[in-house]
Amino acid sequence: MKFRPLHDRVVIRRAEGDTKSKGGIIIPDNAKEKPQEGEVIAVGPGARDESGALIALDVKAGDFILFGKWSGTEVKIDGEDLLIMKEADIMGVIEKAVEAKKAA
C-alpha cells in the first residue's frame, strides 16, 4: 500500500533502540526506552499560508531527524510501525557528517 501524508505531516520510521545497556545487560523490548530519532519516509506537500500559497517542508524523505519524546501518532502501515507527525514537532535534522564522526 502506498501512503501519502497530507499538508505538513511527515511519516517517520523510528530508529532501532539499543538492546544492551552500557554495562552489557540485555534490555527486554518492554523495558526499552523508545528512541527519539528516526528516518523520514514520506512528506506531505506542505502547509498553506493566509494567501493560499504553498509553503514547502524543510525535511525530505531520507533525512534522519530528532523529535520530541511524546511527538506523533503511532500507526501500522503494511505491518510496519511508523509515526506520523507535523513538521513543527521535528526538532532538527541529523547531518551525516556528525554520524560519521560518532562511528570513528
N, C-alpha and C. Protein backbone atom coordinates (compact mmCIF):
# COMPACT_ATOMS: atom_id res chain seq x y z
N MET A 1 0.84 -1.18 0.00
CA MET A 1 0.00 0.00 0.00
C MET A 1 0.89 1.24 0.00
N LYS A 2 0.54 2.20 -0.80
CA LYS A 2 1.23 3.49 -0.82
C LYS A 2 0.50 4.43 0.12
N PHE A 3 1.25 5.21 0.89
CA PHE A 3 0.65 6.18 1.80
C PHE A 3 1.30 7.53 1.56
N ARG A 4 0.49 8.55 1.35
CA ARG A 4 0.98 9.91 1.12
C ARG A 4 0.37 10.81 2.19
N PRO A 5 1.22 11.38 3.08
CA PRO A 5 0.68 12.26 4.11
C PRO A 5 0.17 13.56 3.50
N LEU A 6 -0.78 14.18 4.19
CA LEU A 6 -1.37 15.43 3.72
C LEU A 6 -0.74 16.63 4.44
N HIS A 7 -0.81 17.76 3.79
CA HIS A 7 -0.39 19.06 4.33
C HIS A 7 1.05 19.02 4.86
N ASP A 8 1.26 19.40 6.11
CA ASP A 8 2.63 19.46 6.65
C ASP A 8 2.95 18.27 7.55
N ARG A 9 2.36 17.13 7.23
CA ARG A 9 2.62 15.92 8.01
C ARG A 9 3.78 15.13 7.41
N VAL A 10 4.45 14.36 8.29
CA VAL A 10 5.64 13.61 7.91
C VAL A 10 5.49 12.19 8.47
N VAL A 11 5.88 11.18 7.67
CA VAL A 11 5.88 9.78 8.12
C VAL A 11 7.31 9.41 8.48
N ILE A 12 7.49 8.84 9.67
CA ILE A 12 8.83 8.56 10.20
C ILE A 12 8.94 7.11 10.63
N ARG A 13 10.08 6.49 10.29
CA ARG A 13 10.43 5.15 10.81
C ARG A 13 11.38 5.40 11.98
N ARG A 14 10.95 5.01 13.17
CA ARG A 14 11.75 5.22 14.37
C ARG A 14 13.04 4.41 14.29
N ALA A 15 14.16 4.98 14.75
CA ALA A 15 15.44 4.28 14.77
C ALA A 15 15.37 3.14 15.77
N GLU A 16 16.16 2.12 15.57
CA GLU A 16 16.19 0.98 16.48
C GLU A 16 16.89 1.39 17.77
N GLY A 17 16.32 1.03 18.90
CA GLY A 17 16.93 1.32 20.19
C GLY A 17 18.02 0.32 20.52
N ASP A 18 18.86 0.67 21.48
CA ASP A 18 19.92 -0.24 21.92
C ASP A 18 19.30 -1.44 22.62
N THR A 19 19.85 -2.63 22.36
CA THR A 19 19.34 -3.83 23.01
C THR A 19 20.18 -4.19 24.24
N LYS A 20 21.34 -3.52 24.41
CA LYS A 20 22.19 -3.76 25.57
C LYS A 20 22.46 -2.44 26.27
N SER A 21 22.60 -2.51 27.58
CA SER A 21 22.99 -1.32 28.34
C SER A 21 24.50 -1.14 28.20
N LYS A 22 25.02 -0.04 28.72
CA LYS A 22 26.46 0.21 28.66
C LYS A 22 27.24 -0.86 29.42
N GLY A 23 26.60 -1.44 30.43
CA GLY A 23 27.25 -2.48 31.22
C GLY A 23 27.14 -3.87 30.60
N GLY A 24 26.45 -4.00 29.46
CA GLY A 24 26.34 -5.27 28.77
C GLY A 24 25.08 -6.06 29.09
N ILE A 25 24.19 -5.48 29.89
CA ILE A 25 22.95 -6.16 30.24
C ILE A 25 21.97 -6.05 29.07
N ILE A 26 21.35 -7.16 28.69
CA ILE A 26 20.39 -7.15 27.59
C ILE A 26 19.06 -6.60 28.11
N ILE A 27 18.53 -5.60 27.40
CA ILE A 27 17.30 -4.93 27.81
C ILE A 27 16.13 -5.55 27.03
N PRO A 28 15.10 -6.05 27.72
CA PRO A 28 13.94 -6.61 27.01
C PRO A 28 13.15 -5.51 26.32
N ASP A 29 12.37 -5.88 25.29
CA ASP A 29 11.61 -4.92 24.49
C ASP A 29 10.69 -4.04 25.33
N ASN A 30 10.03 -4.63 26.32
CA ASN A 30 9.06 -3.85 27.09
C ASN A 30 9.72 -2.87 28.05
N ALA A 31 11.01 -2.99 28.30
CA ALA A 31 11.72 -2.07 29.21
C ALA A 31 12.54 -1.03 28.45
N LYS A 32 12.65 -1.19 27.15
CA LYS A 32 13.45 -0.25 26.35
C LYS A 32 12.76 1.09 26.24
N GLU A 33 13.55 2.15 26.28
CA GLU A 33 13.02 3.48 26.03
C GLU A 33 13.04 3.69 24.52
N LYS A 34 11.94 4.21 23.98
CA LYS A 34 11.85 4.40 22.54
C LYS A 34 12.78 5.52 22.11
N PRO A 35 13.54 5.31 21.05
CA PRO A 35 14.45 6.36 20.58
C PRO A 35 13.68 7.57 20.06
N GLN A 36 14.32 8.74 20.16
CA GLN A 36 13.70 9.98 19.73
C GLN A 36 14.27 10.45 18.40
N GLU A 37 14.76 9.52 17.64
CA GLU A 37 15.25 9.86 16.31
C GLU A 37 14.76 8.82 15.32
N GLY A 38 14.75 9.21 14.05
CA GLY A 38 14.26 8.30 13.04
C GLY A 38 14.52 8.83 11.65
N GLU A 39 14.06 8.05 10.67
CA GLU A 39 14.25 8.40 9.26
C GLU A 39 12.91 8.83 8.66
N VAL A 40 12.95 9.91 7.90
CA VAL A 40 11.74 10.40 7.23
C VAL A 40 11.47 9.47 6.05
N ILE A 41 10.26 8.91 5.99
CA ILE A 41 9.86 8.00 4.93
C ILE A 41 9.11 8.74 3.83
N ALA A 42 8.19 9.63 4.23
CA ALA A 42 7.38 10.38 3.27
C ALA A 42 6.99 11.72 3.88
N VAL A 43 6.81 12.72 3.02
CA VAL A 43 6.38 14.05 3.47
C VAL A 43 5.20 14.51 2.65
N GLY A 44 4.37 15.34 3.26
CA GLY A 44 3.25 15.93 2.56
C GLY A 44 3.73 17.10 1.69
N PRO A 45 2.84 17.68 0.91
CA PRO A 45 3.23 18.77 0.01
C PRO A 45 3.58 20.07 0.74
N GLY A 46 3.08 20.25 1.96
CA GLY A 46 3.37 21.46 2.72
C GLY A 46 2.11 22.14 3.21
N ALA A 47 2.29 23.15 4.04
CA ALA A 47 1.16 23.91 4.57
C ALA A 47 0.87 25.10 3.66
N ARG A 48 -0.26 25.72 3.89
CA ARG A 48 -0.63 26.92 3.12
C ARG A 48 -0.66 28.12 4.05
N ASP A 49 -0.20 29.27 3.54
CA ASP A 49 -0.26 30.49 4.34
C ASP A 49 -1.61 31.18 4.15
N GLU A 50 -1.77 32.38 4.70
CA GLU A 50 -3.05 33.09 4.66
C GLU A 50 -3.51 33.40 3.23
N SER A 51 -2.55 33.61 2.33
CA SER A 51 -2.91 33.93 0.94
C SER A 51 -3.16 32.68 0.10
N GLY A 52 -2.92 31.50 0.68
CA GLY A 52 -3.15 30.26 -0.04
C GLY A 52 -1.92 29.70 -0.73
N ALA A 53 -0.78 30.39 -0.60
CA ALA A 53 0.46 29.92 -1.22
C ALA A 53 1.00 28.72 -0.44
N LEU A 54 1.55 27.77 -1.17
CA LEU A 54 2.09 26.55 -0.57
C LEU A 54 3.47 26.83 0.03
N ILE A 55 3.66 26.44 1.28
CA ILE A 55 4.95 26.57 1.95
C ILE A 55 5.55 25.17 2.03
N ALA A 56 6.62 24.93 1.29
CA ALA A 56 7.26 23.61 1.24
C ALA A 56 7.88 23.26 2.59
N LEU A 57 8.00 21.96 2.87
CA LEU A 57 8.60 21.49 4.11
C LEU A 57 10.12 21.55 4.03
N ASP A 58 10.77 21.69 5.20
CA ASP A 58 12.23 21.73 5.27
C ASP A 58 12.85 20.34 5.25
N VAL A 59 12.08 19.31 5.61
CA VAL A 59 12.61 17.95 5.61
C VAL A 59 12.17 17.22 4.35
N LYS A 60 12.93 16.19 4.00
CA LYS A 60 12.60 15.40 2.81
C LYS A 60 12.81 13.92 3.14
N ALA A 61 12.28 13.06 2.33
CA ALA A 61 12.44 11.61 2.53
C ALA A 61 13.92 11.27 2.56
N GLY A 62 14.31 10.44 3.53
CA GLY A 62 15.70 10.04 3.67
C GLY A 62 16.45 10.80 4.75
N ASP A 63 15.91 11.93 5.22
CA ASP A 63 16.55 12.69 6.30
C ASP A 63 16.44 11.93 7.62
N PHE A 64 17.49 12.02 8.44
CA PHE A 64 17.45 11.49 9.80
C PHE A 64 17.16 12.66 10.71
N ILE A 65 16.15 12.51 11.56
CA ILE A 65 15.67 13.64 12.35
C ILE A 65 15.62 13.30 13.83
N LEU A 66 15.50 14.36 14.63
CA LEU A 66 15.32 14.25 16.06
C LEU A 66 13.96 14.86 16.39
N PHE A 67 13.16 14.17 17.20
CA PHE A 67 11.82 14.65 17.52
C PHE A 67 11.55 14.49 19.01
N GLY A 68 10.49 15.13 19.48
CA GLY A 68 10.13 15.10 20.90
C GLY A 68 9.71 13.71 21.36
N LYS A 69 9.87 13.47 22.65
CA LYS A 69 9.59 12.16 23.23
C LYS A 69 8.14 11.72 23.02
N TRP A 70 7.18 12.64 23.13
CA TRP A 70 5.77 12.29 23.01
C TRP A 70 5.18 12.77 21.69
N SER A 71 6.00 13.06 20.71
CA SER A 71 5.52 13.58 19.42
C SER A 71 4.94 12.48 18.54
N GLY A 72 3.99 12.87 17.73
CA GLY A 72 3.47 11.98 16.69
C GLY A 72 2.42 10.99 17.15
N THR A 73 1.86 10.34 16.16
CA THR A 73 0.85 9.30 16.35
C THR A 73 1.40 8.00 15.78
N GLU A 74 1.40 6.95 16.59
CA GLU A 74 1.90 5.66 16.12
C GLU A 74 0.85 4.99 15.26
N VAL A 75 1.26 4.53 14.08
CA VAL A 75 0.38 3.82 13.15
C VAL A 75 1.09 2.58 12.64
N LYS A 76 0.32 1.66 12.09
CA LYS A 76 0.88 0.47 11.48
C LYS A 76 0.47 0.48 10.01
N ILE A 77 1.44 0.56 9.11
CA ILE A 77 1.19 0.57 7.67
C ILE A 77 1.97 -0.59 7.06
N ASP A 78 1.28 -1.48 6.37
CA ASP A 78 1.89 -2.68 5.79
C ASP A 78 2.67 -3.48 6.83
N GLY A 79 2.14 -3.56 8.04
CA GLY A 79 2.78 -4.34 9.09
C GLY A 79 3.97 -3.68 9.74
N GLU A 80 4.29 -2.45 9.38
CA GLU A 80 5.44 -1.75 9.93
C GLU A 80 4.96 -0.63 10.86
N ASP A 81 5.57 -0.54 12.04
CA ASP A 81 5.22 0.51 12.99
C ASP A 81 5.89 1.81 12.58
N LEU A 82 5.09 2.84 12.32
CA LEU A 82 5.59 4.14 11.89
C LEU A 82 4.98 5.23 12.74
N LEU A 83 5.52 6.43 12.62
CA LEU A 83 4.98 7.61 13.29
C LEU A 83 4.54 8.62 12.25
N ILE A 84 3.43 9.30 12.52
CA ILE A 84 3.01 10.42 11.68
C ILE A 84 2.95 11.64 12.58
N MET A 85 3.63 12.70 12.18
CA MET A 85 3.63 13.92 12.97
C MET A 85 3.71 15.14 12.07
N LYS A 86 3.39 16.29 12.63
CA LYS A 86 3.52 17.54 11.89
C LYS A 86 4.99 17.95 11.89
N GLU A 87 5.38 18.70 10.87
CA GLU A 87 6.77 19.13 10.76
C GLU A 87 7.18 19.96 11.98
N ALA A 88 6.26 20.69 12.57
CA ALA A 88 6.57 21.52 13.74
C ALA A 88 7.05 20.70 14.93
N ASP A 89 6.71 19.40 14.99
CA ASP A 89 7.14 18.54 16.09
C ASP A 89 8.58 18.04 15.91
N ILE A 90 9.16 18.28 14.76
CA ILE A 90 10.53 17.85 14.49
C ILE A 90 11.49 18.92 15.00
N MET A 91 12.47 18.49 15.81
CA MET A 91 13.42 19.43 16.40
C MET A 91 14.57 19.79 15.46
N GLY A 92 14.97 18.85 14.62
CA GLY A 92 16.06 19.14 13.71
C GLY A 92 16.46 17.93 12.89
N VAL A 93 17.33 18.18 11.91
CA VAL A 93 17.85 17.14 11.03
C VAL A 93 19.25 16.77 11.50
N ILE A 94 19.52 15.48 11.60
CA ILE A 94 20.84 14.99 12.00
C ILE A 94 21.68 14.86 10.73
N GLU A 95 22.77 15.61 10.67
CA GLU A 95 23.64 15.60 9.49
C GLU A 95 24.46 14.32 9.43
N LYS A 96 24.73 13.85 8.23
CA LYS A 96 25.50 12.62 8.03
C LYS A 96 26.94 12.77 8.54
N ALA A 97 27.55 13.95 8.42
CA ALA A 97 28.93 14.17 8.87
C ALA A 97 29.05 13.92 10.37
N VAL A 98 28.03 14.27 11.14
CA VAL A 98 28.04 14.05 12.58
C VAL A 98 28.01 12.56 12.87
N GLU A 99 27.21 11.80 12.10
CA GLU A 99 27.14 10.34 12.30
C GLU A 99 28.48 9.68 11.98
N ALA A 100 29.18 10.18 10.95
CA ALA A 100 30.46 9.60 10.57
C ALA A 100 31.50 9.81 11.68
N LYS A 101 31.46 10.95 12.35
CA LYS A 101 32.41 11.21 13.46
C LYS A 101 32.12 10.30 14.63
N LYS A 102 30.84 10.00 14.89
CA LYS A 102 30.48 9.11 16.00
C LYS A 102 31.02 7.72 15.76
N ALA A 103 31.00 7.25 14.52
CA ALA A 103 31.44 5.90 14.19
C ALA A 103 32.96 5.77 14.30
N ALA A 104 33.68 6.85 14.13
CA ALA A 104 35.17 6.81 14.16
C ALA A 104 35.71 6.65 15.53
